[in-house]
Amino acid sequence: MADLLHPFQADHGRAARHRQRQLVQQGLVRRVGELAEGLADFMAESPALRPDIDLEDAYVDLAAANYDLGFRVTTALTDSSYVARHIHDYRLHICCAPAYLARHAPLLAPTDLTRHCCFIYSHALFGSRWPLRHAGPHSDIEVPNWVRTNNTLFMRSLILQGLGIGILPTFVCREELASGALVELFPDIQRPSLALFAIYPSRQLVAPRVTRCIEHLKQWYAQRYPAPAA
């Protein structure tokens, strides 16, 4: 596929500017602004770049929609028609508000989740079958589907109101966990890894500025949010 980044000449003899269409999951920029900050840092070093950035949590065919680059946070990438470049890793946290714990039976083991109000993120590959390791081999726990939503920010708001339990990524609940507004349940229980990927269609010719953007973000995340020591 031909390069989709079309340069155009600015008015008054200024240097040519370059358009780049990017698709970003909403929570990444609307919560803590992590990816927005990383992109802003790249734009500061690339003043000729003029990105068009759309926010969308649902699946989008990047090639059909003429996107040059997409960013996804997921436990697994299942579409082989895309090239995926790993950017950063996140944890998944099983969270609830202290008020919820005060009103309900204690949770002593992951299997106790089956008797509680659980919120499901509809774009999660595991759905209501939460993959957790408890007391031995890997187990999928089927939790009650009390509320299903396609937006983790909305889910976090419901959880903060003490209405139930949900799985949230670090970039959505970091501040709330640190302040005590949310409590993490079973923090030592293993769960799927979550990663941020930059993706683009495998048949697409990749412009150098797209590659530079990806490499810049990898370095930016490594410096800003270094991985914990093993």
Protein backbone atom coordinates (compact mmCIF):
# COMPACT_ATOMS: atom_id res chain seq x y z
CA MET A 1 0.00 0.00 0.00
CA ALA A 2 1.24 3.47 -0.81
CA ASP A 3 2.37 5.75 1.99
CA LEU A 4 -0.75 7.32 3.52
CA LEU A 5 1.11 10.25 5.03
CA HIS A 6 0.65 13.02 2.51
CA PRO A 7 2.92 16.07 2.75
CA PHE A 8 1.54 19.47 1.85
CA GLN A 9 3.13 22.86 1.39
CA ALA A 10 2.34 25.42 4.09
CA ASP A 11 1.47 29.02 3.24
CA HIS A 12 4.00 31.85 3.04
CA GLY A 13 6.94 29.62 2.12
CA ARG A 14 7.04 27.76 5.44
CA ALA A 15 8.45 24.25 5.58
CA ALA A 16 6.26 21.43 4.35
CA ARG A 17 4.05 19.82 7.00
CA HIS A 18 3.13 16.14 7.18
CA ARG A 19 -0.18 14.55 8.17
CA GLN A 20 -0.35 11.35 10.15
CA ARG A 21 -3.61 9.62 11.11
CA GLN A 22 -3.49 7.79 14.43
CA LEU A 23 -6.08 5.76 16.31
CA VAL A 24 -5.81 5.63 20.12
CA GLN A 25 -7.81 3.85 22.80
CA GLN A 26 -9.73 6.43 24.81
CA GLY A 27 -8.54 5.48 28.28
CA LEU A 28 -4.89 5.97 27.36
CA VAL A 29 -5.30 9.71 26.86
CA ARG A 30 -8.45 10.63 28.74
CA ARG A 31 -7.35 9.25 32.10
CA VAL A 32 -3.73 10.04 32.94
CA GLY A 33 -2.64 11.29 29.55
CA GLU A 34 0.32 8.92 29.35
CA LEU A 35 0.22 8.33 25.62
CA ALA A 36 -0.79 11.93 24.99
CA GLU A 37 2.31 13.09 26.87
CA GLY A 38 4.51 10.70 24.93
CA LEU A 39 3.08 11.85 21.61
CA ALA A 40 3.46 15.49 22.63
CA ASP A 41 7.11 14.82 23.40
CA PHE A 42 7.55 13.33 19.93
CA MET A 43 5.72 16.23 18.28
CA ALA A 44 8.01 18.72 20.03
CA GLU A 45 10.93 17.05 18.25
CA SER A 46 9.03 16.82 14.94
CA PRO A 47 7.52 20.28 14.37
CA ALA A 48 6.63 19.49 10.75
CA LEU A 49 4.25 16.71 11.84
CA ARG A 50 0.52 17.45 12.03
CA PRO A 51 -1.22 14.32 13.37
CA ASP A 52 -4.93 13.59 13.13
CA ILE A 53 -5.71 11.57 16.27
CA ASP A 54 -9.00 9.73 16.81
CA LEU A 55 -10.05 8.04 20.06
CA GLU A 56 -11.91 4.76 19.82
CA ASP A 57 -12.10 1.64 22.00
CA ALA A 58 -13.89 -0.59 19.48
CA TYR A 59 -12.12 -2.59 16.78
CA VAL A 60 -11.30 -0.55 13.67
CA ASP A 61 -9.87 -1.74 10.36
CA LEU A 62 -6.87 0.58 10.16
CA ALA A 63 -6.23 0.01 6.48
CA ALA A 64 -9.85 0.52 5.41
CA ALA A 65 -10.05 3.70 7.50
CA ASN A 66 -6.71 5.01 6.17
CA TYR A 67 -4.97 5.09 9.54
CA ASP A 68 -1.20 5.11 9.47
CA LEU A 69 -0.79 3.91 13.04
CA GLY A 70 -2.92 2.58 15.86
CA PHE A 71 -2.32 2.02 19.57
CA ARG A 72 -3.93 -0.82 21.47
CA VAL A 73 -3.72 -2.08 25.02
CA THR A 74 -4.58 -5.76 25.11
CA THR A 75 -3.73 -9.11 26.67
CA ALA A 76 -3.21 -10.63 23.21
CA LEU A 77 -3.19 -9.56 19.58
CA THR A 78 -5.23 -11.95 17.47
CA ASP A 79 -5.17 -10.31 14.02
CA SER A 80 -2.21 -11.49 11.96
CA SER A 81 -2.88 -8.86 9.28
CA TYR A 82 -1.19 -6.26 11.51
CA VAL A 83 2.40 -5.68 12.52
CA ALA A 84 2.62 -5.05 16.27
CA ARG A 85 5.45 -3.23 18.01
CA HIS A 86 5.57 -3.57 21.78
CA ILE A 87 5.70 -0.24 23.62
CA HIS A 88 5.02 -0.83 27.32
CA ASP A 89 3.63 -3.34 29.83
CA TYR A 90 0.86 -2.76 32.37
CA ARG A 91 -0.67 -4.75 35.19
CA LEU A 92 -4.32 -5.63 35.53
CA HIS A 93 -5.83 -4.90 38.94
CA ILE A 94 -8.94 -6.44 40.48
CA CYS A 95 -10.40 -3.39 42.23
CA CYS A 96 -13.25 -2.28 44.43
CA ALA A 97 -14.00 0.64 46.72
CA PRO A 98 -13.60 0.35 50.52
CA ALA A 99 -17.33 1.06 50.81
CA TYR A 100 -18.10 -2.08 48.82
CA LEU A 101 -15.96 -4.23 51.11
CA ALA A 102 -17.71 -2.74 54.15
CA ARG A 103 -21.15 -3.79 52.87
CA HIS A 104 -20.44 -7.25 51.50
CA ALA A 105 -19.08 -10.60 52.55
CA PRO A 106 -15.28 -10.75 52.71
CA LEU A 107 -13.33 -12.05 49.73
CA LEU A 108 -10.86 -14.63 51.01
CA ALA A 109 -10.12 -16.42 47.74
CA PRO A 110 -10.62 -15.67 44.03
CA THR A 111 -13.50 -18.17 43.88
CA ASP A 112 -15.43 -15.84 46.21
CA LEU A 113 -15.80 -13.49 43.23
CA THR A 114 -18.58 -15.74 41.96
CA ARG A 115 -20.79 -14.42 44.77
CA HIS A 116 -20.14 -10.73 44.14
CA CYS A 117 -21.22 -7.97 41.76
CA CYS A 118 -18.65 -7.87 38.97
CA PHE A 119 -18.23 -5.44 36.09
CA ILE A 120 -17.15 -6.71 32.67
CA TYR A 121 -15.22 -4.74 30.07
CA SER A 122 -16.85 -5.81 26.81
CA HIS A 123 -13.66 -5.48 24.73
CA ALA A 124 -11.63 -7.75 27.04
CA LEU A 125 -10.79 -11.04 25.35
CA PHE A 126 -11.52 -13.00 28.54
CA GLY A 127 -14.94 -11.40 29.08
CA SER A 128 -16.61 -12.71 32.23
CA ARG A 129 -14.20 -15.68 32.51
CA TRP A 130 -11.48 -14.03 34.55
CA PRO A 131 -8.20 -15.98 34.07
CA LEU A 132 -6.54 -16.19 37.47
CA ARG A 133 -4.01 -18.55 39.01
CA HIS A 134 -5.12 -19.72 42.43
CA ALA A 135 -4.10 -22.71 44.50
CA GLY A 136 -2.24 -24.44 41.71
CA PRO A 137 -2.99 -24.66 38.00
CA HIS A 138 -4.42 -21.93 35.83
CA SER A 139 -8.15 -21.47 36.35
CA ASP A 140 -10.83 -19.43 34.64
CA ILE A 141 -13.35 -18.06 37.10
CA GLU A 142 -16.77 -17.30 35.65
CA VAL A 143 -17.89 -14.15 37.46
CA PRO A 144 -21.43 -12.73 37.54
CA ASN A 145 -21.99 -10.34 34.66
CA TRP A 146 -23.70 -7.63 36.71
CA VAL A 147 -22.69 -4.70 34.49
CA ARG A 148 -21.07 -4.83 31.05
CA THR A 149 -19.53 -1.70 29.56
CA ASN A 150 -17.23 -0.80 26.66
CA ASN A 151 -15.43 1.95 28.57
CA THR A 152 -13.01 1.43 31.47
CA LEU A 153 -13.39 5.04 32.61
CA PHE A 154 -17.12 4.55 33.10
CA MET A 155 -16.42 1.26 34.85
CA ARG A 156 -13.97 2.96 37.19
CA SER A 157 -16.63 5.54 38.11
CA LEU A 158 -19.10 2.80 39.04
CA ILE A 159 -16.46 0.99 41.09
CA LEU A 160 -15.59 4.21 42.94
CA GLN A 161 -19.26 4.52 43.91
CA GLY A 162 -18.99 1.20 45.73
CA LEU A 163 -21.27 -0.67 43.33
CA GLY A 164 -19.06 -3.62 42.48
CA ILE A 165 -15.73 -5.15 41.45
CA GLY A 166 -13.89 -4.84 38.16
CA ILE A 167 -10.56 -5.44 36.45
CA LEU A 168 -8.80 -2.19 35.57
CA PRO A 169 -5.44 -1.52 33.92
CA THR A 170 -2.80 0.47 35.76
CA PHE A 171 -3.21 3.59 33.66
CA VAL A 172 -6.88 3.82 34.68
CA CYS A 173 -6.56 3.24 38.43
CA ARG A 174 -3.00 4.16 39.45
CA GLU A 175 -3.94 7.32 41.38
CA GLU A 176 -7.00 5.77 43.03
CA LEU A 177 -5.00 2.80 44.30
CA ALA A 178 -2.29 5.11 45.63
CA SER A 179 -4.81 7.32 47.45
CA GLY A 180 -6.86 4.44 48.88
CA ALA A 181 -9.99 5.38 46.93
CA LEU A 182 -9.74 1.89 45.42
CA VAL A 183 -8.49 -1.33 46.99
CA GLU A 184 -6.73 -4.04 45.00
CA LEU A 185 -8.03 -7.55 45.65
CA PHE A 186 -5.70 -10.58 45.49
CA PRO A 187 -2.65 -8.57 44.36
CA ASP A 188 -0.43 -11.68 44.48
CA ILE A 189 -2.68 -13.75 42.24
CA GLN A 190 -1.28 -14.12 38.73
CA ARG A 191 -3.33 -12.73 35.86
CA PRO A 192 -2.76 -12.11 32.14
CA SER A 193 -0.15 -9.55 31.18
CA LEU A 194 -1.35 -6.39 29.49
CA ALA A 195 0.69 -4.54 26.91
CA LEU A 196 0.54 -1.37 24.84
CA PHE A 197 1.24 -2.01 21.17
CA ALA A 198 1.71 0.25 18.19
CA ILE A 199 0.09 -1.48 15.21
CA TYR A 200 -0.13 -0.94 11.48
CA PRO A 201 -1.29 -3.11 8.55
CA SER A 202 1.30 -5.67 7.52
CA ARG A 203 0.83 -4.85 3.83
CA GLN A 204 1.39 -1.14 4.36
CA LEU A 205 4.64 0.58 3.43
CA VAL A 206 5.74 2.25 6.63
CA ALA A 207 6.92 5.83 6.43
CA PRO A 208 10.14 6.65 8.33
CA ARG A 209 8.29 9.14 10.54
CA VAL A 210 5.94 6.35 11.70
CA THR A 211 8.96 4.25 12.67
CA ARG A 212 10.52 7.24 14.45
CA CYS A 213 7.29 7.80 16.38
CA ILE A 214 7.22 4.19 17.58
CA GLU A 215 10.89 4.19 18.62
CA HIS A 216 10.47 7.53 20.39
CA LEU A 217 7.51 6.22 22.40
CA LYS A 218 9.39 3.04 23.37
CA GLN A 219 12.24 5.13 24.77
CA TRP A 220 9.89 7.64 26.40
CA TYR A 221 7.95 4.93 28.27
CA ALA A 222 11.16 3.17 29.33
CA GLN A 223 12.45 6.40 30.86
CA ARG A 224 9.16 7.64 32.32
CA TYR A 225 7.73 4.33 33.57
CA PRO A 226 10.66 1.90 33.95
CA ALA A 227 9.82 -1.73 34.54
CA PRO A 228 10.12 -2.82 38.19
CA ALA A 229 13.21 -4.78 39.13
CA ALA A 230 12.78 -8.55 38.98
